[in-house]
Structure formats: structure tokens, C-alpha cells
N, C-alpha and C. Protein backbone atom coordinates (compact mmCIF):
# COMPACT_ATOMS: atom_id res chain seq x y z
N UNK A 1 43.81 7.78 -1.78
CA UNK A 1 42.87 7.64 -0.69
C UNK A 1 42.71 8.97 -0.21
N UNK A 2 43.86 9.61 0.39
CA UNK A 2 44.00 10.96 1.08
C UNK A 2 42.63 12.26 0.25
N UNK A 3 42.36 11.88 -1.14
CA UNK A 3 41.60 12.79 -1.88
C UNK A 3 40.22 12.96 -1.27
N UNK A 4 39.83 11.38 -0.52
CA UNK A 4 38.56 11.37 -0.55
C UNK A 4 37.45 12.70 0.28
N UNK A 5 38.08 12.84 1.35
CA UNK A 5 37.93 13.80 2.12
C UNK A 5 37.75 14.81 1.44
N UNK A 6 38.60 15.45 0.96
CA UNK A 6 39.16 16.70 0.35
C UNK A 6 37.39 16.74 -0.61
N UNK A 7 37.15 15.94 -1.60
CA UNK A 7 36.08 15.66 -2.27
C UNK A 7 34.82 15.89 -1.44
N UNK A 8 34.70 15.00 -0.02
CA UNK A 8 33.44 14.90 0.49
C UNK A 8 33.44 16.58 0.83
N UNK A 9 34.66 17.23 1.22
CA UNK A 9 34.57 18.66 1.63
C UNK A 9 34.20 19.52 0.66
N UNK A 10 34.64 19.68 -0.48
CA UNK A 10 34.30 20.46 -1.32
C UNK A 10 32.77 19.86 -1.61
N UNK A 11 32.47 18.87 -1.86
CA UNK A 11 30.63 18.37 -1.89
C UNK A 11 29.64 18.94 -0.69
N UNK A 12 30.21 19.24 0.28
CA UNK A 12 29.63 19.78 1.43
C UNK A 12 29.35 21.36 1.26
N UNK A 13 30.92 21.80 0.77
CA UNK A 13 30.94 23.29 0.57
C UNK A 13 29.99 23.75 -0.28
N UNK A 14 29.95 23.08 -1.48
CA UNK A 14 28.90 23.22 -2.77
C UNK A 14 27.52 23.45 -2.14
N UNK A 15 27.03 22.27 -1.27
CA UNK A 15 25.78 22.09 -1.10
C UNK A 15 25.36 23.37 -0.33
N UNK A 16 26.77 23.83 0.83
CA UNK A 16 26.49 25.10 1.48
C UNK A 16 25.63 25.99 1.01
N UNK A 17 26.94 26.33 -0.07
CA UNK A 17 26.62 27.73 -0.90
C UNK A 17 25.14 27.57 -1.82
N UNK A 18 24.72 25.87 -2.22
CA UNK A 18 23.56 26.27 -2.68
C UNK A 18 22.27 26.18 -2.06
N UNK A 19 22.61 26.03 -0.57
CA UNK A 19 21.57 26.33 0.34
C UNK A 19 21.32 27.80 0.28
N UNK A 20 22.60 28.08 0.61
CA UNK A 20 22.42 29.84 0.90
C UNK A 20 21.91 30.47 -0.64
N UNK A 21 22.20 30.11 -1.74
CA UNK A 21 21.73 30.94 -2.68
C UNK A 21 20.58 30.69 -3.21
N UNK A 22 20.02 29.62 -2.93
CA UNK A 22 18.83 28.93 -3.49
C UNK A 22 17.47 29.10 -2.33
N UNK A 23 17.84 28.50 -1.32
CA UNK A 23 16.67 27.89 -0.29
C UNK A 23 16.65 29.35 0.53
N UNK A 24 17.39 29.79 0.43
CA UNK A 24 17.29 31.17 1.67
C UNK A 24 16.27 32.40 0.88
N UNK A 25 16.77 32.51 -0.29
CA UNK A 25 15.93 33.69 -0.92
C UNK A 25 14.42 33.14 -0.95
N UNK A 26 14.54 31.99 -1.10
CA UNK A 26 12.88 31.34 -1.53
C UNK A 26 11.92 31.27 -0.16
N UNK A 27 12.87 31.07 1.36
CA UNK A 27 12.25 31.51 2.28
C UNK A 27 11.98 32.77 2.70
N UNK A 28 12.60 33.72 2.31
CA UNK A 28 12.38 35.28 2.25
C UNK A 28 11.21 35.54 1.72
N UNK A 29 10.91 35.07 0.53
CA UNK A 29 9.79 35.03 -0.49
C UNK A 29 8.62 34.71 0.05
N UNK A 30 9.09 33.49 0.47
CA UNK A 30 7.64 32.64 1.29
C UNK A 30 7.12 33.44 2.47
N UNK A 31 8.17 33.98 3.25
CA UNK A 31 7.55 34.93 4.30
C UNK A 31 7.21 36.31 3.81
N UNK A 32 7.59 36.82 3.01
CA UNK A 32 7.08 38.20 2.67
C UNK A 32 5.37 38.14 1.96
N UNK A 33 5.48 37.02 1.18
CA UNK A 33 4.22 36.62 0.49
C UNK A 33 3.17 36.58 1.63
N UNK A 34 3.58 35.79 2.64
CA UNK A 34 2.56 35.62 3.95
C UNK A 34 2.28 36.87 4.68
N UNK A 35 3.49 37.81 4.92
CA UNK A 35 3.27 38.84 5.63
C UNK A 35 2.29 40.12 5.08
N UNK A 36 2.66 40.29 3.45
CA UNK A 36 2.12 41.39 2.68
C UNK A 36 0.95 41.46 2.85
N UNK A 37 0.02 40.00 2.66
CA UNK A 37 -1.55 40.42 2.62
C UNK A 37 -1.60 40.83 4.24
N UNK A 38 -1.10 40.77 5.09
CA UNK A 38 -1.40 40.61 6.57
C UNK A 38 -1.19 42.15 6.78
N UNK A 39 0.28 43.01 6.19
CA UNK A 39 0.19 44.32 6.65
C UNK A 39 -0.84 45.18 5.69
N UNK A 40 -1.06 44.44 4.73
CA UNK A 40 -2.39 45.60 3.89
C UNK A 40 -3.75 45.50 4.59
N UNK A 41 -3.86 44.13 5.12
CA UNK A 41 -5.07 43.98 5.62
C UNK A 41 -5.51 45.15 6.96
N UNK A 42 -4.39 44.69 7.57
CA UNK A 42 -4.33 45.90 8.88
C UNK A 42 -4.39 47.04 8.37
N UNK A 43 -3.11 47.67 7.52
CA UNK A 43 -3.19 49.11 7.45
C UNK A 43 -3.90 49.64 6.61
N UNK A 44 -4.50 49.08 5.29
CA UNK A 44 -5.23 50.15 4.34
C UNK A 44 -6.52 50.65 5.11
N UNK A 45 -7.46 49.83 5.86
CA UNK A 45 -8.53 50.36 6.77
C UNK A 45 -8.00 51.23 7.35
N UNK A 46 -7.07 51.26 8.21
CA UNK A 46 -6.58 52.31 9.14
C UNK A 46 -6.39 53.70 8.27
N UNK A 47 -6.05 53.64 7.40
CA UNK A 47 -5.98 54.66 6.40
C UNK A 47 -7.07 55.45 6.08
N UNK A 48 -8.34 54.66 5.39
CA UNK A 48 -9.16 54.96 4.86
C UNK A 48 -10.55 54.60 5.96
N UNK A 49 -10.64 55.03 7.11
CA UNK A 49 -11.61 54.85 7.95
C UNK A 49 -12.72 55.87 7.34
N UNK A 50 -13.92 55.43 7.23
CA UNK A 50 -15.00 55.94 6.77
C UNK A 50 -15.57 56.97 7.82
N UNK A 51 -16.44 57.86 7.59
CA UNK A 51 -17.13 58.61 8.64
C UNK A 51 -18.68 58.95 8.41
N UNK A 52 -19.11 58.39 9.58
CA UNK A 52 -20.83 58.81 9.60
C UNK A 52 -21.18 59.71 10.40
N UNK A 53 -22.50 60.24 9.93
CA UNK A 53 -23.00 60.95 10.54
C UNK A 53 -24.69 60.71 10.25
N UNK A 54 -25.66 61.25 11.04
CA UNK A 54 -26.76 61.50 10.82
C UNK A 54 -27.28 62.86 9.95
N UNK A 55 -27.91 62.67 8.69
CA UNK A 55 -28.33 63.65 8.16
C UNK A 55 -29.46 64.37 8.66
N UNK A 56 -29.72 65.51 8.83
CA UNK A 56 -30.84 66.43 9.42
C UNK A 56 -32.21 66.01 8.90
N UNK A 57 -32.50 65.28 7.61
CA UNK A 57 -33.52 64.92 7.33
C UNK A 57 -34.12 63.65 7.76
N UNK A 58 -33.25 63.24 8.63
CA UNK A 58 -33.99 61.97 9.56
C UNK A 58 -35.10 62.58 10.36
N UNK A 59 -36.14 61.85 10.86
CA UNK A 59 -37.41 62.09 11.52
C UNK A 59 -37.84 60.99 11.98
N UNK A 60 -39.16 61.22 12.65
CA UNK A 60 -39.78 60.34 13.51
C UNK A 60 -41.17 60.96 12.59
N UNK A 61 -41.47 60.44 11.70
CA UNK A 61 -42.38 61.14 10.69
C UNK A 61 -43.87 60.93 11.13
N UNK A 62 -44.38 59.88 12.12
CA UNK A 62 -45.61 59.71 12.45
C UNK A 62 -45.61 58.54 13.53
N UNK A 63 -46.82 58.99 14.59
CA UNK A 63 -46.33 58.38 15.63
C UNK A 63 -48.42 57.95 16.20
N UNK A 64 -48.68 57.05 16.69
CA UNK A 64 -49.70 56.94 17.16
C UNK A 64 -49.49 56.01 18.71
N UNK A 65 -50.22 57.05 19.70
CA UNK A 65 -50.21 56.30 20.96
C UNK A 65 -51.97 55.91 21.46
N UNK A 66 -51.81 55.03 21.66
CA UNK A 66 -53.34 54.43 21.93
C UNK A 66 -53.20 53.78 23.84
N UNK A 67 -54.25 53.49 23.86
CA UNK A 67 -54.26 53.25 25.45
C UNK A 67 -53.32 51.83 25.84
N UNK A 68 -53.46 50.95 24.60
CA UNK A 68 -52.67 49.60 24.88
C UNK A 68 -51.23 49.48 23.77
N UNK A 69 -50.92 50.42 22.93
CA UNK A 69 -49.88 50.13 22.06
C UNK A 69 -49.32 51.54 21.77
N UNK A 70 -47.80 51.58 21.36
CA UNK A 70 -47.38 52.67 21.26
C UNK A 70 -46.76 52.55 19.49
N UNK A 71 -47.06 53.11 18.66
CA UNK A 71 -46.45 52.77 17.00
C UNK A 71 -45.97 54.10 16.50
N UNK A 72 -44.78 53.88 16.10
CA UNK A 72 -44.06 55.14 15.36
C UNK A 72 -43.39 54.45 14.14
N UNK A 73 -43.35 55.62 13.26
CA UNK A 73 -42.57 55.31 11.86
C UNK A 73 -41.53 56.19 11.91
N UNK A 74 -40.31 55.92 11.43
CA UNK A 74 -38.98 56.76 11.66
C UNK A 74 -38.30 56.22 10.55
N UNK A 75 -37.49 57.43 10.19
CA UNK A 75 -36.61 57.48 8.72
C UNK A 75 -35.40 58.23 9.26
N UNK A 76 -34.36 57.17 8.81
CA UNK A 76 -32.74 57.75 9.20
C UNK A 76 -31.98 57.77 7.84
N UNK A 77 -31.28 59.12 7.89
CA UNK A 77 -30.62 58.82 6.62
C UNK A 77 -29.06 59.07 7.21
N UNK A 78 -28.08 58.16 6.81
CA UNK A 78 -26.65 57.89 7.35
C UNK A 78 -26.07 58.51 6.06
N UNK A 79 -25.22 59.41 6.72
CA UNK A 79 -24.28 60.13 5.55
C UNK A 79 -23.20 59.41 5.93
N UNK A 80 -22.47 59.02 4.64
CA UNK A 80 -20.91 58.57 4.93
C UNK A 80 -20.42 58.73 3.63
N UNK A 81 -19.07 59.29 4.62
CA UNK A 81 -17.52 59.67 3.48
C UNK A 81 -16.87 58.80 3.53
N UNK A 82 -16.40 58.21 2.16
CA UNK A 82 -15.18 57.55 1.95
C UNK A 82 -13.93 58.23 1.87
N UNK A 83 -12.85 58.66 2.58
CA UNK A 83 -11.96 59.51 2.45
C UNK A 83 -10.77 58.87 1.20
N UNK A 84 -10.83 57.83 1.06
CA UNK A 84 -9.76 57.42 0.29
C UNK A 84 -9.91 57.45 -1.46
N UNK A 85 -9.01 58.28 -1.69
CA UNK A 85 -8.93 58.62 -3.26
C UNK A 85 -8.70 57.90 -4.32
N UNK A 86 -8.29 56.68 -3.89
CA UNK A 86 -8.10 55.32 -4.75
C UNK A 86 -8.93 54.15 -4.49
N UNK A 87 -9.67 53.89 -3.32
CA UNK A 87 -10.22 52.68 -3.11
C UNK A 87 -11.75 52.64 -2.82
N UNK A 88 -12.33 52.05 -3.57
CA UNK A 88 -13.92 51.91 -3.38
C UNK A 88 -14.55 51.15 -2.19
N UNK A 89 -15.42 51.08 -1.54
CA UNK A 89 -16.00 50.11 -0.99
C UNK A 89 -17.20 49.70 -0.67
N UNK A 90 -17.29 48.12 -0.65
CA UNK A 90 -18.41 47.73 -0.58
C UNK A 90 -19.10 47.27 0.77
N UNK A 91 -20.48 47.74 1.17
CA UNK A 91 -20.83 47.59 2.71
C UNK A 91 -22.20 46.28 2.17
N UNK A 92 -22.16 45.45 2.98
CA UNK A 92 -22.99 44.42 2.96
C UNK A 92 -23.58 44.34 4.35
N UNK A 93 -25.09 43.37 4.39
CA UNK A 93 -25.50 43.13 5.69
C UNK A 93 -25.38 44.13 6.50
N UNK A 94 -26.20 45.25 6.13
CA UNK A 94 -26.06 46.36 7.00
C UNK A 94 -27.40 46.55 7.91
N UNK A 95 -27.18 46.47 9.24
CA UNK A 95 -28.08 46.59 10.05
C UNK A 95 -28.15 47.63 11.05
N UNK A 96 -29.55 48.38 11.20
CA UNK A 96 -29.51 49.64 12.18
C UNK A 96 -30.69 49.50 13.06
N UNK A 97 -30.33 49.46 14.59
CA UNK A 97 -31.23 49.36 15.45
C UNK A 97 -31.36 50.87 16.50
N UNK A 98 -32.97 51.56 16.44
CA UNK A 98 -32.87 52.12 17.28
C UNK A 98 -33.29 51.78 19.08
N UNK A 99 -32.36 52.31 19.78
CA UNK A 99 -32.28 52.02 21.29
C UNK A 99 -32.85 53.38 21.99
N UNK A 100 -33.72 52.88 22.67
CA UNK A 100 -34.15 53.83 23.95
C UNK A 100 -34.10 53.26 25.05
N UNK A 101 -33.18 53.98 26.28
CA UNK A 101 -33.22 53.62 27.41
C UNK A 101 -32.48 52.41 27.34
N UNK A 102 -31.50 51.80 26.71
CA UNK A 102 -30.78 50.50 26.59
C UNK A 102 -31.82 49.34 26.27
N UNK A 103 -32.77 50.01 25.57
CA UNK A 103 -33.71 48.60 25.21
C UNK A 103 -34.06 49.13 23.98
N UNK A 104 -33.86 47.68 22.71
CA UNK A 104 -34.10 48.12 21.29
C UNK A 104 -35.61 48.24 20.84
N UNK A 105 -35.31 49.43 20.26
CA UNK A 105 -37.33 49.91 19.89
C UNK A 105 -37.69 49.38 18.24
N UNK A 106 -36.60 49.53 17.35
CA UNK A 106 -36.81 49.25 15.89
C UNK A 106 -35.67 48.46 15.13
N UNK A 107 -35.82 48.03 14.31
CA UNK A 107 -34.78 47.38 13.44
C UNK A 107 -35.00 47.77 12.18
N UNK A 108 -33.71 47.89 11.25
CA UNK A 108 -33.71 48.13 9.89
C UNK A 108 -32.71 47.40 9.26
N UNK A 109 -32.95 47.02 7.62
CA UNK A 109 -32.02 45.93 7.45
C UNK A 109 -32.06 47.22 5.58
N UNK A 110 -30.64 47.16 5.25
CA UNK A 110 -30.17 48.39 4.35
C UNK A 110 -29.58 47.20 3.56
N UNK A 111 -30.06 47.18 2.11
CA UNK A 111 -29.36 46.41 1.41
C UNK A 111 -27.66 46.92 0.87
N UNK A 112 -27.20 45.95 0.24
CA UNK A 112 -25.83 46.01 -0.13
C UNK A 112 -25.45 47.04 -1.20
N UNK A 113 -24.21 47.86 -0.87
CA UNK A 113 -24.19 48.89 -2.14
C UNK A 113 -22.84 49.22 -1.89
N UNK A 114 -22.24 49.63 -3.17
CA UNK A 114 -20.76 50.24 -3.33
C UNK A 114 -20.54 51.54 -3.10
N UNK A 115 -19.31 52.05 -2.57
CA UNK A 115 -19.37 53.50 -2.42
C UNK A 115 -18.04 53.57 -2.98
N UNK A 116 -18.27 54.66 -4.18
CA UNK A 116 -16.90 54.87 -5.13
C UNK A 116 -15.93 55.61 -4.37
N UNK A 117 -14.40 55.76 -4.59
CA UNK A 117 -13.44 56.36 -4.00
C UNK A 117 -13.93 57.90 -3.59
N UNK A 118 -13.47 58.59 -2.77
CA UNK A 118 -13.27 59.76 -2.53
C UNK A 118 -15.03 60.33 -2.97
N UNK A 119 -15.71 60.08 -1.86
CA UNK A 119 -17.03 60.16 -2.38
C UNK A 119 -18.08 60.13 -0.84
N UNK A 120 -19.26 60.87 -1.22
CA UNK A 120 -20.16 60.92 -0.22
C UNK A 120 -21.22 60.66 -0.46
N UNK A 121 -22.09 59.70 -0.02
CA UNK A 121 -23.69 59.13 -0.14
C UNK A 121 -24.30 59.31 0.96
N UNK A 122 -25.32 59.28 0.62
CA UNK A 122 -26.35 59.29 1.69
C UNK A 122 -27.33 58.08 1.80
N UNK A 123 -27.75 57.10 2.91
CA UNK A 123 -28.27 55.80 2.84
C UNK A 123 -29.52 55.87 3.73
N UNK A 124 -30.25 55.95 3.27
CA UNK A 124 -31.96 55.78 3.90
C UNK A 124 -32.24 54.30 4.57
N UNK A 125 -32.78 54.32 5.78
CA UNK A 125 -33.38 53.12 6.36
C UNK A 125 -34.73 53.84 6.82
N UNK A 126 -35.49 52.92 7.10
CA UNK A 126 -37.27 52.95 7.43
C UNK A 126 -37.35 52.07 8.45
N UNK A 127 -37.96 52.46 9.78
CA UNK A 127 -38.13 51.43 11.02
C UNK A 127 -39.66 51.48 11.16
N UNK A 128 -40.15 50.60 11.72
CA UNK A 128 -41.33 50.70 12.12
C UNK A 128 -41.11 50.06 13.74
N UNK A 129 -41.81 51.24 14.40
CA UNK A 129 -41.73 50.38 15.93
C UNK A 129 -43.39 50.06 16.50
N UNK A 130 -43.59 49.34 16.95
CA UNK A 130 -45.15 49.04 17.44
C UNK A 130 -44.60 48.16 18.75
N UNK A 131 -45.03 48.64 20.00
CA UNK A 131 -44.54 48.08 21.17
C UNK A 131 -45.92 48.48 22.20
N UNK A 132 -45.90 47.49 22.71
CA UNK A 132 -47.10 47.40 23.99
C UNK A 132 -46.69 48.46 24.75
N UNK A 133 -47.94 49.26 25.56
CA UNK A 133 -48.08 50.38 26.31
C UNK A 133 -48.03 49.34 27.38
N UNK A 134 -46.56 49.34 28.10
CA UNK A 134 -46.69 48.73 29.31
C UNK A 134 -46.11 49.80 30.50
N UNK A 135 -45.66 49.01 31.49
CA UNK A 135 -44.80 49.58 32.61
C UNK A 135 -43.50 49.52 32.56
N UNK A 136 -42.86 49.20 31.42
CA UNK A 136 -41.44 49.29 31.14
C UNK A 136 -41.09 50.60 30.83
N UNK A 137 -39.71 51.02 31.67
CA UNK A 137 -39.06 52.56 31.75
C UNK A 137 -39.18 52.88 30.19
N UNK A 138 -38.31 52.25 29.55
CA UNK A 138 -38.16 52.41 28.07
C UNK A 138 -39.54 52.92 27.45
N UNK A 139 -40.62 52.27 27.39
CA UNK A 139 -41.91 52.33 26.98
C UNK A 139 -42.72 53.66 27.48
N UNK A 140 -42.52 53.71 28.83
CA UNK A 140 -42.94 54.90 29.34
C UNK A 140 -42.14 56.53 29.22
N UNK A 141 -40.81 56.28 29.03
CA UNK A 141 -39.88 57.15 28.51
C UNK A 141 -40.38 57.94 26.94
N UNK A 142 -40.56 56.60 26.28
CA UNK A 142 -40.98 57.15 24.65
C UNK A 142 -42.60 57.56 24.60
N UNK A 143 -43.52 56.91 25.51
CA UNK A 143 -44.70 58.21 25.50
C UNK A 143 -44.69 59.31 25.96
N UNK A 144 -43.67 59.80 26.89
CA UNK A 144 -43.48 61.11 27.66
C UNK A 144 -42.79 61.99 26.83
N UNK A 145 -41.93 61.52 26.08
CA UNK A 145 -41.28 62.17 25.24
C UNK A 145 -42.30 62.50 23.90
N UNK A 146 -43.04 61.19 23.30
CA UNK A 146 -43.89 62.00 22.45
C UNK A 146 -44.71 62.84 22.71
N UNK A 147 -45.29 63.24 23.96
CA UNK A 147 -46.42 64.20 24.55
C UNK A 147 -45.51 65.29 24.66
N UNK A 148 -44.54 65.49 25.14
CA UNK A 148 -44.02 67.02 24.97
C UNK A 148 -43.24 67.17 23.85
N UNK A 149 -43.22 66.24 22.95
CA UNK A 149 -42.48 66.85 21.79
C UNK A 149 -41.21 66.63 21.26
N UNK A 150 -40.30 65.88 22.49
CA UNK A 150 -38.71 65.55 21.95
C UNK A 150 -38.59 64.21 22.76
N UNK A 151 -37.97 63.38 21.49
CA UNK A 151 -37.90 62.30 21.77
C UNK A 151 -36.15 62.05 21.70
N UNK A 152 -35.66 61.62 23.02
CA UNK A 152 -34.18 61.14 22.85
C UNK A 152 -33.71 59.43 22.59
N UNK A 153 -33.07 59.12 21.62
CA UNK A 153 -32.56 57.64 21.27
C UNK A 153 -31.20 57.71 21.27
N UNK A 154 -30.82 56.77 20.85
CA UNK A 154 -29.40 56.13 20.33
C UNK A 154 -29.80 55.18 18.79
N UNK A 155 -28.76 55.23 17.76
CA UNK A 155 -28.70 54.46 17.12
C UNK A 155 -27.75 53.85 16.86
N UNK A 156 -27.34 52.01 16.73
CA UNK A 156 -26.61 51.27 16.40
C UNK A 156 -26.36 50.60 14.96
N UNK A 157 -25.21 51.08 14.27
CA UNK A 157 -25.35 50.10 12.96
C UNK A 157 -24.09 49.39 12.95
N UNK A 158 -24.55 48.53 12.11
CA UNK A 158 -23.13 47.44 11.82
C UNK A 158 -23.35 46.77 10.21
N UNK A 159 -22.20 46.91 9.71
CA UNK A 159 -22.11 46.41 8.16
C UNK A 159 -21.09 45.42 8.10
N UNK A 160 -21.01 44.77 6.94
CA UNK A 160 -19.95 44.00 6.54
C UNK A 160 -18.86 44.97 5.71
N UNK A 161 -17.93 44.96 5.14
CA UNK A 161 -16.93 45.64 4.56
C UNK A 161 -16.20 45.02 3.22
N UNK A 162 -16.19 45.72 2.52
CA UNK A 162 -15.00 44.98 1.46
C UNK A 162 -14.39 46.40 0.80
N UNK A 163 -13.09 45.73 0.66
CA UNK A 163 -12.27 46.72 -0.21
C UNK A 163 -11.90 46.75 -1.53
N UNK A 164 -11.98 47.33 -2.58
CA UNK A 164 -11.77 47.04 -3.92
C UNK A 164 -10.35 47.51 -4.19
N UNK A 165 -9.62 46.51 -4.23
CA UNK A 165 -8.06 46.47 -4.42
C UNK A 165 -7.55 46.16 -5.61
N UNK A 166 -8.55 45.87 -6.80
CA UNK A 166 -7.97 45.92 -8.04
C UNK A 166 -8.14 44.24 -8.34
N UNK A 167 -7.61 43.15 -7.68
CA UNK A 167 -7.79 41.95 -7.51
C UNK A 167 -8.83 41.77 -7.31
N UNK A 168 -9.83 42.49 -6.81
CA UNK A 168 -11.24 41.77 -6.31
C UNK A 168 -11.49 42.70 -5.00
N UNK A 169 -12.61 41.92 -4.54
CA UNK A 169 -13.42 42.71 -3.10
C UNK A 169 -12.76 41.90 -2.19
N UNK A 170 -11.93 42.59 -1.22
CA UNK A 170 -10.91 41.91 -0.28
C UNK A 170 -11.52 42.25 0.97
N UNK A 171 -11.93 41.27 2.03
CA UNK A 171 -12.89 41.79 3.21
C UNK A 171 -12.19 42.20 4.14
N UNK A 172 -12.61 42.86 5.03
CA UNK A 172 -11.84 43.50 6.21
C UNK A 172 -12.31 43.79 7.46
N UNK A 173 -12.63 43.87 8.48
CA UNK A 173 -13.35 43.78 9.59
C UNK A 173 -14.64 44.36 9.57
N UNK A 174 -15.80 44.42 10.11
CA UNK A 174 -17.23 44.71 9.88
C UNK A 174 -16.91 46.13 10.54
N UNK A 175 -17.81 47.18 10.03
CA UNK A 175 -17.89 48.43 10.59
C UNK A 175 -19.08 48.54 11.57
N UNK A 176 -18.66 49.07 12.75
CA UNK A 176 -19.77 49.42 13.86
C UNK A 176 -19.65 50.76 14.21
N UNK A 177 -20.64 51.73 14.20
CA UNK A 177 -21.20 52.81 14.46
C UNK A 177 -22.08 52.95 15.66
N UNK A 178 -22.04 53.97 16.24
CA UNK A 178 -22.93 54.40 17.39
C UNK A 178 -23.38 55.74 17.21
N UNK A 179 -24.47 55.96 17.36
CA UNK A 179 -24.98 57.65 17.13
C UNK A 179 -25.82 57.79 18.74
N UNK A 180 -25.05 58.33 19.54
CA UNK A 180 -25.61 58.60 20.61
C UNK A 180 -26.60 60.06 21.11
N UNK A 181 -27.29 59.74 21.76
CA UNK A 181 -28.31 60.94 22.41
C UNK A 181 -28.92 62.05 20.99
N UNK A 182 -29.54 61.06 20.20
CA UNK A 182 -29.94 61.71 19.13
C UNK A 182 -31.36 62.46 19.57
N UNK A 183 -31.55 63.91 19.10
CA UNK A 183 -33.05 64.46 19.82
C UNK A 183 -33.80 64.60 18.70
N UNK A 184 -35.09 64.18 18.77
CA UNK A 184 -35.82 64.53 17.64
C UNK A 184 -37.00 65.69 18.41
N UNK A 185 -37.19 66.46 18.00
CA UNK A 185 -38.26 67.44 18.35
C UNK A 185 -39.17 67.80 17.32
N UNK A 186 -40.44 68.52 18.14
CA UNK A 186 -41.53 68.61 17.57
C UNK A 186 -41.25 69.50 16.33
N UNK A 187 -42.13 69.31 14.94
CA UNK A 187 -42.06 70.52 13.84
C UNK A 187 -43.24 71.49 14.39
N UNK A 188 -43.34 72.38 14.08
CA UNK A 188 -43.97 73.66 14.21
C UNK A 188 -45.46 73.27 13.64
N UNK A 189 -45.59 72.22 12.23
CA UNK A 189 -47.09 72.17 11.71
C UNK A 189 -47.30 71.19 12.63
N UNK A 190 -46.38 70.37 13.68
CA UNK A 190 -47.22 69.03 14.06
C UNK A 190 -47.64 68.16 13.68
N UNK A 191 -46.56 67.78 12.57
CA UNK A 191 -46.73 66.44 11.53
C UNK A 191 -45.48 65.63 12.03
N UNK A 192 -45.01 65.82 12.95
CA UNK A 192 -44.08 64.93 13.29
C UNK A 192 -42.88 65.42 14.14
N UNK A 193 -41.69 64.49 14.07
CA UNK A 193 -40.60 64.90 15.16
C UNK A 193 -39.69 64.81 13.78
N UNK A 194 -38.45 65.97 13.99
CA UNK A 194 -37.21 65.80 13.36
C UNK A 194 -36.23 65.81 14.18
N UNK A 195 -34.93 65.42 13.74
CA UNK A 195 -33.98 65.37 14.12
C UNK A 195 -33.19 66.81 14.19
N UNK A 196 -32.76 67.19 15.67
CA UNK A 196 -32.15 68.28 15.76
C UNK A 196 -30.90 68.55 15.50
N UNK A 197 -30.48 69.68 14.54
CA UNK A 197 -29.19 70.13 14.05
C UNK A 197 -28.11 69.96 15.47
N UNK A 198 -27.35 69.42 15.56
CA UNK A 198 -25.99 69.23 15.94
C UNK A 198 -26.12 67.76 17.17
N UNK A 199 -27.18 67.17 16.88
CA UNK A 199 -27.22 66.11 17.82
C UNK A 199 -26.97 65.00 17.21
N UNK A 200 -26.40 64.73 16.14
CA UNK A 200 -26.20 64.05 14.94
C UNK A 200 -24.95 63.42 14.69
N UNK A 201 -23.81 63.15 15.90
CA UNK A 201 -22.44 62.74 16.03
C UNK A 201 -22.66 61.07 16.18
N UNK A 202 -21.84 60.47 15.83
CA UNK A 202 -21.74 59.02 15.34
C UNK A 202 -20.25 58.89 15.91
N UNK A 203 -19.93 57.79 16.49
CA UNK A 203 -18.72 57.20 16.76
C UNK A 203 -18.17 56.06 16.22
N UNK A 204 -17.46 55.95 15.48
CA UNK A 204 -16.91 54.82 14.82
C UNK A 204 -16.42 53.66 15.69
N UNK A 205 -16.80 52.32 15.53
CA UNK A 205 -16.12 51.21 16.70
C UNK A 205 -14.67 51.08 16.24
N UNK A 206 -13.98 50.43 16.96
CA UNK A 206 -12.87 50.43 17.35
C UNK A 206 -12.14 49.25 15.84
N UNK A 207 -13.06 48.56 15.43
CA UNK A 207 -12.72 47.82 14.18
C UNK A 207 -12.91 48.27 12.80
N UNK A 208 -13.05 49.58 13.15
CA UNK A 208 -13.49 50.18 11.86
C UNK A 208 -12.47 50.90 11.57
N UNK A 209 -11.49 51.13 12.81
CA UNK A 209 -10.16 51.76 12.17
C UNK A 209 -8.88 50.80 11.78
N UNK A 210 -9.09 49.61 11.85
CA UNK A 210 -7.94 48.61 12.01
C UNK A 210 -8.29 47.49 11.20
């Protein structure tokens, strides 16, 4: 009869050793399996943050100011740099807005595209603005700028982003870019306004880095 407690103790000891050898490694593996994608999701974009600038080929190609309306055609060329030597990037649902004195002036959508690793590419967006000639400050500012041959605007761009990590396209935070105080000046032949060199500085939003 006295051997029964000893058998129970040995059984409990075996169970305890079995838990340590089997269950604990399983728990560690499960935790790592959950944490690793999160670490990749957060760390990789910070390493490969893209660079956006506006190419000097950007222009306000034509405009027409009448007594009732102000119409203009814009072409913006975004230069995008992918610094990663290994990871391609897929951009989708890219949208850009020209802003004048905090008021949206024109919108454009850009089709999805893939940028190869360690590459530079230019993406062209066409805008058409047609607004009534009113007493709004932004419209008066646009008319005044066109008349003197210098228009100053801001541009906001946003896009979905996926990284090519071998197993497929992994979604990360959307990218948001703001290009402030872009200056378009009159060409010598009077054919339109071109982007002033040196005014193409763009800032990447916070989630473009994380």
C-alpha cells in the first residue's frame, strides 16, 4: 500500500517533465510565429522607405481664363526611388490632388504598377482643372498667378503599397506624400508654365517609414 503515493509522485513528475519538453517549445514556437510577421511588417518598410520628387518636366501646359471660368491642363511627373536592393514594390490606387491655398483644384488617378528593386522610375499624372471664376480666394489667387506668369501650388499623393517578399505581395502601410510650394513659371515662348527647378521638394508621410 505504501508504494501507491510513490507511483503517483513518479507519474506527476513524468507529466511535469513531458510538459516542459513538449508544451513549452510549442508555446515558444507559436509566439515566434505570431511575432515574426509583425516584426517583418514593421521593420522592412522602415529600411526601404521610398523617395518621391517632382521632375522638372512637370508643367502647366495650357490655360484659359474667361469672364466666367478658369481652365487649365497640368502634367506632373513623379520620380520614385526604391532604395531596396532586394524587394520590389507594387503601388495601387494611387491618387494625386493639386491644392491651391488649401482648396483642392484638380484630381488625378494613376494606374497600378510594379517598381523593381533598386530602381528609379517616373510616373506621369494628367490633371484638368475647370473652376468658375468666383470671388473665392483660391480662384482669385490662381487668376492672379496666371496673369503674372507664376503659380504656386501644393500636391498631395497617396497610394496603396505591397512588398514582394518571395511568398507573394505583402501589404504594408499606405504611402502618403506632400509636395509643398511648387512654383510654375512662364516659359520664354509663352506656351505655358513649367516647374521651377529647386521647388520640387516632397515629404513622405509618417506611415511611409513604418
